[in-house]
């Protein structure tokens, strides 16, 4: 499996790219989303995510500006009745984020507007991919919440606010908090306040 290419973008148009990687030219089919994302990149080095589609005697390489687009492409071609060409057509008409949103909200009309995508296929996309998309959105939100909860910056902000309520000056409190966090970034808000009070 070829996961990405790094090389000079020697040719670009609405439907494909040619990337030179150490003297070897790779032909990649792309969407309009990737095309517009590579504005003024011709002749420059680019990093392109790829998907190698193999069917019988066909080996076709598809290129994507980001991992999100590649993931949505792989989801779409897993739907019965959607091939790589249809998936690229969808990604040329809608951004990966619009596709994700439309699936999660069961918005059939959005897909039905895309040329070549009838009502039956539009419904099938939603039915077959909704659970995957929603699960991914929930997982992403949980990760973001967990990350924010453990961010030293936010812990410091809460501790600073609590110390201000207790009557300590922000300047003095900030200095003490910085000193403590320099030595230990894994303290909870409560423990950070306790340690600060010992020094203030």
C-alpha atoms as a PDB file:
ATOM      1  CA  UNK A   1       0.000   0.000   0.000  1.00  0.00           C
ATOM      2  CA  UNK A   2       1.356   3.411  -1.001  1.00  0.00           C
ATOM      3  CA  UNK A   3       0.251   5.791   1.776  1.00  0.00           C
ATOM      4  CA  UNK A   4       1.786   9.062   0.592  1.00  0.00           C
ATOM      5  CA  UNK A   5       4.124  10.691  -1.906  1.00  0.00           C
ATOM      6  CA  UNK A   6       6.587  13.537  -1.400  1.00  0.00           C
ATOM      7  CA  UNK A   7       7.888  15.083  -4.590  1.00  0.00           C
ATOM      8  CA  UNK A   8       7.714  17.888  -7.117  1.00  0.00           C
ATOM      9  CA  UNK A   9       4.309  18.672  -8.579  1.00  0.00           C
ATOM     10  CA  UNK A  10       5.139  18.763 -12.292  1.00  0.00           C
ATOM     11  CA  UNK A  11       1.615  18.766 -13.702  1.00  0.00           C
ATOM     12  CA  UNK A  12      -1.790  19.582 -12.290  1.00  0.00           C
ATOM     13  CA  UNK A  13      -5.302  19.816 -13.644  1.00  0.00           C
ATOM     14  CA  UNK A  14      -8.851  19.352 -12.366  1.00  0.00           C
ATOM     15  CA  UNK A  15      -8.746  15.542 -12.543  1.00  0.00           C
ATOM     16  CA  UNK A  16      -5.150  14.442 -11.944  1.00  0.00           C
ATOM     17  CA  UNK A  17      -1.653  15.282 -10.716  1.00  0.00           C
ATOM     18  CA  UNK A  18       1.752  14.104 -11.824  1.00  0.00           C
ATOM     19  CA  UNK A  19       4.348  14.074  -9.076  1.00  0.00           C
ATOM     20  CA  UNK A  20       8.038  13.484  -9.703  1.00  0.00           C
ATOM     21  CA  UNK A  21       9.614  11.464  -6.897  1.00  0.00           C
ATOM     22  CA  UNK A  22      13.351  11.095  -7.528  1.00  0.00           C
ATOM     23  CA  UNK A  23      12.888  10.789 -11.291  1.00  0.00           C
ATOM     24  CA  UNK A  24       9.782   8.590 -11.177  1.00  0.00           C
ATOM     25  CA  UNK A  25       6.527  10.232 -12.266  1.00  0.00           C
ATOM     26  CA  UNK A  26       3.363   9.183 -10.420  1.00  0.00           C
ATOM     27  CA  UNK A  27      -0.073   9.788 -11.932  1.00  0.00           C
ATOM     28  CA  UNK A  28      -2.771  10.413  -9.299  1.00  0.00           C
ATOM     29  CA  UNK A  29      -6.459  11.020  -9.831  1.00  0.00           C
ATOM     30  CA  UNK A  30      -7.772  13.815  -7.595  1.00  0.00           C
ATOM     31  CA  UNK A  31     -10.912  15.697  -6.608  1.00  0.00           C
ATOM     32  CA  UNK A  32     -11.616  19.398  -7.047  1.00  0.00           C
ATOM     33  CA  UNK A  33     -11.080  19.736  -3.286  1.00  0.00           C
ATOM     34  CA  UNK A  34      -7.444  18.620  -3.619  1.00  0.00           C
ATOM     35  CA  UNK A  35      -6.989  20.633  -6.820  1.00  0.00           C
ATOM     36  CA  UNK A  36      -8.061  23.888  -5.165  1.00  0.00           C
ATOM     37  CA  UNK A  37      -6.021  23.080  -2.030  1.00  0.00           C
ATOM     38  CA  UNK A  38      -2.857  22.914  -4.143  1.00  0.00           C
ATOM     39  CA  UNK A  39      -3.192  26.462  -5.462  1.00  0.00           C
ATOM     40  CA  UNK A  40       0.159  27.830  -6.758  1.00  0.00           C
ATOM     41  CA  UNK A  41       1.991  24.591  -5.837  1.00  0.00           C
ATOM     42  CA  UNK A  42       2.978  23.585  -9.370  1.00  0.00           C
ATOM     43  CA  UNK A  43       6.744  23.181  -9.641  1.00  0.00           C
ATOM     44  CA  UNK A  44       7.074  22.921  -5.861  1.00  0.00           C
ATOM     45  CA  UNK A  45       7.508  19.986  -3.495  1.00  0.00           C
ATOM     46  CA  UNK A  46       4.221  18.655  -2.135  1.00  0.00           C
ATOM     47  CA  UNK A  47       3.080  15.998   0.336  1.00  0.00           C
ATOM     48  CA  UNK A  48       0.122  14.018  -0.968  1.00  0.00           C
ATOM     49  CA  UNK A  49      -1.807  11.296   0.855  1.00  0.00           C
ATOM     50  CA  UNK A  50      -2.636   8.405  -1.443  1.00  0.00           C
ATOM     51  CA  UNK A  51      -4.924   5.424  -1.883  1.00  0.00           C
ATOM     52  CA  UNK A  52      -3.973   2.583  -4.216  1.00  0.00           C
ATOM     53  CA  UNK A  53      -7.115   1.049  -5.695  1.00  0.00           C
ATOM     54  CA  UNK A  54      -6.633  -2.493  -6.988  1.00  0.00           C
ATOM     55  CA  UNK A  55      -9.294  -4.287  -9.006  1.00  0.00           C
ATOM     56  CA  UNK A  56      -8.524  -7.279 -11.220  1.00  0.00           C
ATOM     57  CA  UNK A  57      -5.677  -6.019 -13.433  1.00  0.00           C
ATOM     58  CA  UNK A  58      -6.138  -2.330 -12.530  1.00  0.00           C
ATOM     59  CA  UNK A  59      -3.796  -0.464 -10.206  1.00  0.00           C
ATOM     60  CA  UNK A  60      -5.009   3.135  -9.905  1.00  0.00           C
ATOM     61  CA  UNK A  61      -3.520   5.721  -7.560  1.00  0.00           C
ATOM     62  CA  UNK A  62      -5.691   8.424  -6.020  1.00  0.00           C
ATOM     63  CA  UNK A  63      -4.266  11.505  -4.324  1.00  0.00           C
ATOM     64  CA  UNK A  64      -5.643  13.570  -1.442  1.00  0.00           C
ATOM     65  CA  UNK A  65      -4.653  16.865   0.113  1.00  0.00           C
ATOM     66  CA  UNK A  66      -5.288  15.611   3.658  1.00  0.00           C
ATOM     67  CA  UNK A  67      -6.014  12.444   5.634  1.00  0.00           C
ATOM     68  CA  UNK A  68      -9.617  13.505   6.192  1.00  0.00           C
ATOM     69  CA  UNK A  69     -10.376  13.439   2.478  1.00  0.00           C
ATOM     70  CA  UNK A  70      -8.679  10.053   2.073  1.00  0.00           C
ATOM     71  CA  UNK A  71     -10.682   8.597   4.960  1.00  0.00           C
ATOM     72  CA  UNK A  72     -13.986   9.845   3.511  1.00  0.00           C
ATOM     73  CA  UNK A  73     -12.948   8.404   0.112  1.00  0.00           C
ATOM     74  CA  UNK A  74     -12.263   4.997   1.675  1.00  0.00           C
ATOM     75  CA  UNK A  75     -15.650   5.122   3.446  1.00  0.00           C
ATOM     76  CA  UNK A  76     -17.489   6.039   0.250  1.00  0.00           C
ATOM     77  CA  UNK A  77     -15.991   3.239  -1.851  1.00  0.00           C
ATOM     78  CA  UNK A  78     -17.026   0.744   0.832  1.00  0.00           C
ATOM     79  CA  UNK A  79     -20.665   1.564   0.023  1.00  0.00           C
ATOM     80  CA  UNK A  80     -22.290  -0.860  -2.380  1.00  0.00           C
ATOM     81  CA  UNK A  81     -22.708   0.916  -5.723  1.00  0.00           C
ATOM     82  CA  UNK A  82     -20.053   3.594  -5.119  1.00  0.00           C
ATOM     83  CA  UNK A  83     -16.805   3.166  -7.015  1.00  0.00           C
ATOM     84  CA  UNK A  84     -13.694   5.357  -6.955  1.00  0.00           C
ATOM     85  CA  UNK A  85     -14.988   7.582  -9.785  1.00  0.00           C
ATOM     86  CA  UNK A  86     -18.243   8.271  -7.944  1.00  0.00           C
ATOM     87  CA  UNK A  87     -16.364   8.906  -4.702  1.00  0.00           C
ATOM     88  CA  UNK A  88     -14.096  11.428  -6.437  1.00  0.00           C
ATOM     89  CA  UNK A  89     -17.166  13.058  -8.000  1.00  0.00           C
ATOM     90  CA  UNK A  90     -18.717  13.428  -4.549  1.00  0.00           C
ATOM     91  CA  UNK A  91     -15.482  14.898  -3.148  1.00  0.00           C
ATOM     92  CA  UNK A  92     -15.376  17.312  -6.098  1.00  0.00           C
ATOM     93  CA  UNK A  93     -18.901  18.522  -5.353  1.00  0.00           C
ATOM     94  CA  UNK A  94     -18.720  18.533  -1.548  1.00  0.00           C
ATOM     95  CA  UNK A  95     -15.862  18.969   0.917  1.00  0.00           C
ATOM     96  CA  UNK A  96     -15.025  16.000   3.202  1.00  0.00           C
ATOM     97  CA  UNK A  97     -16.516  18.003   6.093  1.00  0.00           C
ATOM     98  CA  UNK A  98     -19.783  18.627   4.211  1.00  0.00           C
ATOM     99  CA  UNK A  99     -20.046  14.913   3.407  1.00  0.00           C
ATOM    100  CA  UNK A 100     -19.426  13.982   7.038  1.00  0.00           C
ATOM    101  CA  UNK A 101     -22.020  16.514   8.235  1.00  0.00           C
ATOM    102  CA  UNK A 102     -24.617  15.431   5.668  1.00  0.00           C
ATOM    103  CA  UNK A 103     -24.231  11.765   6.638  1.00  0.00           C
ATOM    104  CA  UNK A 104     -24.489  12.474  10.374  1.00  0.00           C
ATOM    105  CA  UNK A 105     -27.592  14.646   9.818  1.00  0.00           C
ATOM    106  CA  UNK A 106     -29.134  12.205   7.315  1.00  0.00           C
ATOM    107  CA  UNK A 107     -29.402  14.955   4.705  1.00  0.00           C
ATOM    108  CA  UNK A 108     -30.263  12.959   1.562  1.00  0.00           C
ATOM    109  CA  UNK A 109     -30.909  16.084  -0.528  1.00  0.00           C
ATOM    110  CA  UNK A 110     -27.250  17.162  -0.391  1.00  0.00           C
ATOM    111  CA  UNK A 111     -26.069  13.921  -2.019  1.00  0.00           C
ATOM    112  CA  UNK A 112     -28.999  13.822  -4.424  1.00  0.00           C
ATOM    113  CA  UNK A 113     -27.831  17.132  -5.922  1.00  0.00           C
ATOM    114  CA  UNK A 114     -24.535  15.572  -7.013  1.00  0.00           C
ATOM    115  CA  UNK A 115     -24.517  14.479 -10.661  1.00  0.00           C
ATOM    116  CA  UNK A 116     -24.839  10.705 -10.991  1.00  0.00           C
ATOM    117  CA  UNK A 117     -25.975  10.172  -7.388  1.00  0.00           C
ATOM    118  CA  UNK A 118     -29.635   9.169  -7.320  1.00  0.00           C
ATOM    119  CA  UNK A 119     -31.951   9.013  -4.326  1.00  0.00           C
ATOM    120  CA  UNK A 120     -31.356   5.277  -3.843  1.00  0.00           C
ATOM    121  CA  UNK A 121     -27.547   5.653  -3.676  1.00  0.00           C
ATOM    122  CA  UNK A 122     -27.840   8.767  -1.491  1.00  0.00           C
ATOM    123  CA  UNK A 123     -29.913   6.844   1.048  1.00  0.00           C
ATOM    124  CA  UNK A 124     -27.498   3.921   0.916  1.00  0.00           C
ATOM    125  CA  UNK A 125     -24.519   6.206   1.672  1.00  0.00           C
ATOM    126  CA  UNK A 126     -26.272   7.464   4.805  1.00  0.00           C
ATOM    127  CA  UNK A 127     -27.503   4.042   5.956  1.00  0.00           C
ATOM    128  CA  UNK A 128     -24.128   2.334   5.510  1.00  0.00           C
ATOM    129  CA  UNK A 129     -21.895   5.129   6.830  1.00  0.00           C
ATOM    130  CA  UNK A 130     -23.908   6.926   9.512  1.00  0.00           C
ATOM    131  CA  UNK A 131     -22.753   4.715  12.402  1.00  0.00           C
ATOM    132  CA  UNK A 132     -19.079   5.010  11.368  1.00  0.00           C
ATOM    133  CA  UNK A 133     -19.263   8.787  11.022  1.00  0.00           C
ATOM    134  CA  UNK A 134     -21.120   9.377  14.297  1.00  0.00           C
ATOM    135  CA  UNK A 135     -18.771   7.063  16.192  1.00  0.00           C
ATOM    136  CA  UNK A 136     -15.806   8.978  14.766  1.00  0.00           C
ATOM    137  CA  UNK A 137     -17.312  12.362  15.692  1.00  0.00           C
ATOM    138  CA  UNK A 138     -18.033  11.214  19.268  1.00  0.00           C
ATOM    139  CA  UNK A 139     -14.518   9.754  19.655  1.00  0.00           C
ATOM    140  CA  UNK A 140     -12.992  12.991  18.370  1.00  0.00           C
ATOM    141  CA  UNK A 141     -15.055  15.088  20.799  1.00  0.00           C
ATOM    142  CA  UNK A 142     -14.095  12.846  23.723  1.00  0.00           C
ATOM    143  CA  UNK A 143     -10.417  13.154  22.823  1.00  0.00           C
ATOM    144  CA  UNK A 144     -10.695  16.939  22.563  1.00  0.00           C
ATOM    145  CA  UNK A 145     -12.465  17.191  25.929  1.00  0.00           C
ATOM    146  CA  UNK A 146      -9.863  14.956  27.573  1.00  0.00           C
ATOM    147  CA  UNK A 147      -7.065  16.998  26.007  1.00  0.00           C
ATOM    148  CA  UNK A 148      -8.570  20.271  27.197  1.00  0.00           C
ATOM    149  CA  UNK A 149      -9.142  18.937  30.701  1.00  0.00           C
ATOM    150  CA  UNK A 150      -5.468  18.042  30.969  1.00  0.00           C
ATOM    151  CA  UNK A 151      -4.048  21.162  29.369  1.00  0.00           C
ATOM    152  CA  UNK A 152      -1.637  22.912  31.785  1.00  0.00           C
ATOM    153  CA  UNK A 153      -2.773  26.274  30.409  1.00  0.00           C
ATOM    154  CA  UNK A 154      -6.394  25.688  31.449  1.00  0.00           C
ATOM    155  CA  UNK A 155      -5.369  24.269  34.833  1.00  0.00           C
ATOM    156  CA  UNK A 156      -3.209  27.333  35.411  1.00  0.00           C
ATOM    157  CA  UNK A 157      -6.067  29.636  34.365  1.00  0.00           C
ATOM    158  CA  UNK A 158      -8.481  28.014  36.846  1.00  0.00           C
ATOM    159  CA  UNK A 159      -5.918  28.135  39.648  1.00  0.00           C
ATOM    160  CA  UNK A 160      -5.146  31.788  38.914  1.00  0.00           C
ATOM    161  CA  UNK A 161      -8.843  32.623  39.082  1.00  0.00           C
ATOM    162  CA  UNK A 162      -9.229  30.806  42.420  1.00  0.00           C
ATOM    163  CA  UNK A 163      -6.196  32.579  43.920  1.00  0.00           C
ATOM    164  CA  UNK A 164      -7.563  35.958  42.814  1.00  0.00           C
ATOM    165  CA  UNK A 165     -10.820  35.209  44.671  1.00  0.00           C
ATOM    166  CA  UNK A 166      -8.709  34.450  47.753  1.00  0.00           C
ATOM    167  CA  UNK A 167      -7.194  37.924  47.526  1.00  0.00           C
ATOM    168  CA  UNK A 168      -3.776  37.247  45.975  1.00  0.00           C
ATOM    169  CA  UNK A 169      -2.517  39.561  43.233  1.00  0.00           C
ATOM    170  CA  UNK A 170      -2.545  38.078  39.689  1.00  0.00           C
ATOM    171  CA  UNK A 171       1.113  39.036  39.088  1.00  0.00           C
ATOM    172  CA  UNK A 172       2.377  37.297  42.221  1.00  0.00           C
ATOM    173  CA  UNK A 173       0.109  34.273  41.714  1.00  0.00           C
ATOM    174  CA  UNK A 174       1.182  33.873  38.074  1.00  0.00           C
ATOM    175  CA  UNK A 175       4.862  33.796  39.014  1.00  0.00           C
ATOM    176  CA  UNK A 176       4.286  31.149  41.704  1.00  0.00           C
ATOM    177  CA  UNK A 177       2.103  29.042  39.376  1.00  0.00           C
ATOM    178  CA  UNK A 178       4.720  29.190  36.604  1.00  0.00           C
ATOM    179  CA  UNK A 179       7.429  28.044  39.010  1.00  0.00           C
ATOM    180  CA  UNK A 180       5.341  25.076  40.177  1.00  0.00           C
ATOM    181  CA  UNK A 181       4.248  24.050  36.666  1.00  0.00           C
ATOM    182  CA  UNK A 182       7.825  24.206  35.408  1.00  0.00           C
ATOM    183  CA  UNK A 183       8.626  21.377  37.828  1.00  0.00           C
ATOM    184  CA  UNK A 184       5.375  19.412  37.504  1.00  0.00           C
ATOM    185  CA  UNK A 185       2.823  19.795  34.677  1.00  0.00           C
ATOM    186  CA  UNK A 186       0.630  16.902  35.826  1.00  0.00           C
ATOM    187  CA  UNK A 187      -0.877  18.522  38.919  1.00  0.00           C
ATOM    188  CA  UNK A 188      -4.654  18.816  39.205  1.00  0.00           C
ATOM    189  CA  UNK A 189      -6.213  22.256  39.791  1.00  0.00           C
ATOM    190  CA  UNK A 190      -6.775  21.453  43.476  1.00  0.00           C
ATOM    191  CA  UNK A 191      -3.184  20.334  44.079  1.00  0.00           C
ATOM    192  CA  UNK A 192      -1.826  23.274  42.124  1.00  0.00           C
ATOM    193  CA  UNK A 193      -3.767  25.686  44.350  1.00  0.00           C
ATOM    194  CA  UNK A 194      -2.554  23.891  47.501  1.00  0.00           C
ATOM    195  CA  UNK A 195       1.075  24.105  46.373  1.00  0.00           C
ATOM    196  CA  UNK A 196       0.638  27.764  45.461  1.00  0.00           C
ATOM    197  CA  UNK A 197      -0.794  28.645  48.870  1.00  0.00           C
ATOM    198  CA  UNK A 198       2.331  27.206  50.527  1.00  0.00           C
ATOM    199  CA  UNK A 199       4.492  29.660  48.577  1.00  0.00           C
ATOM    200  CA  UNK A 200       2.274  32.752  48.652  1.00  0.00           C
END
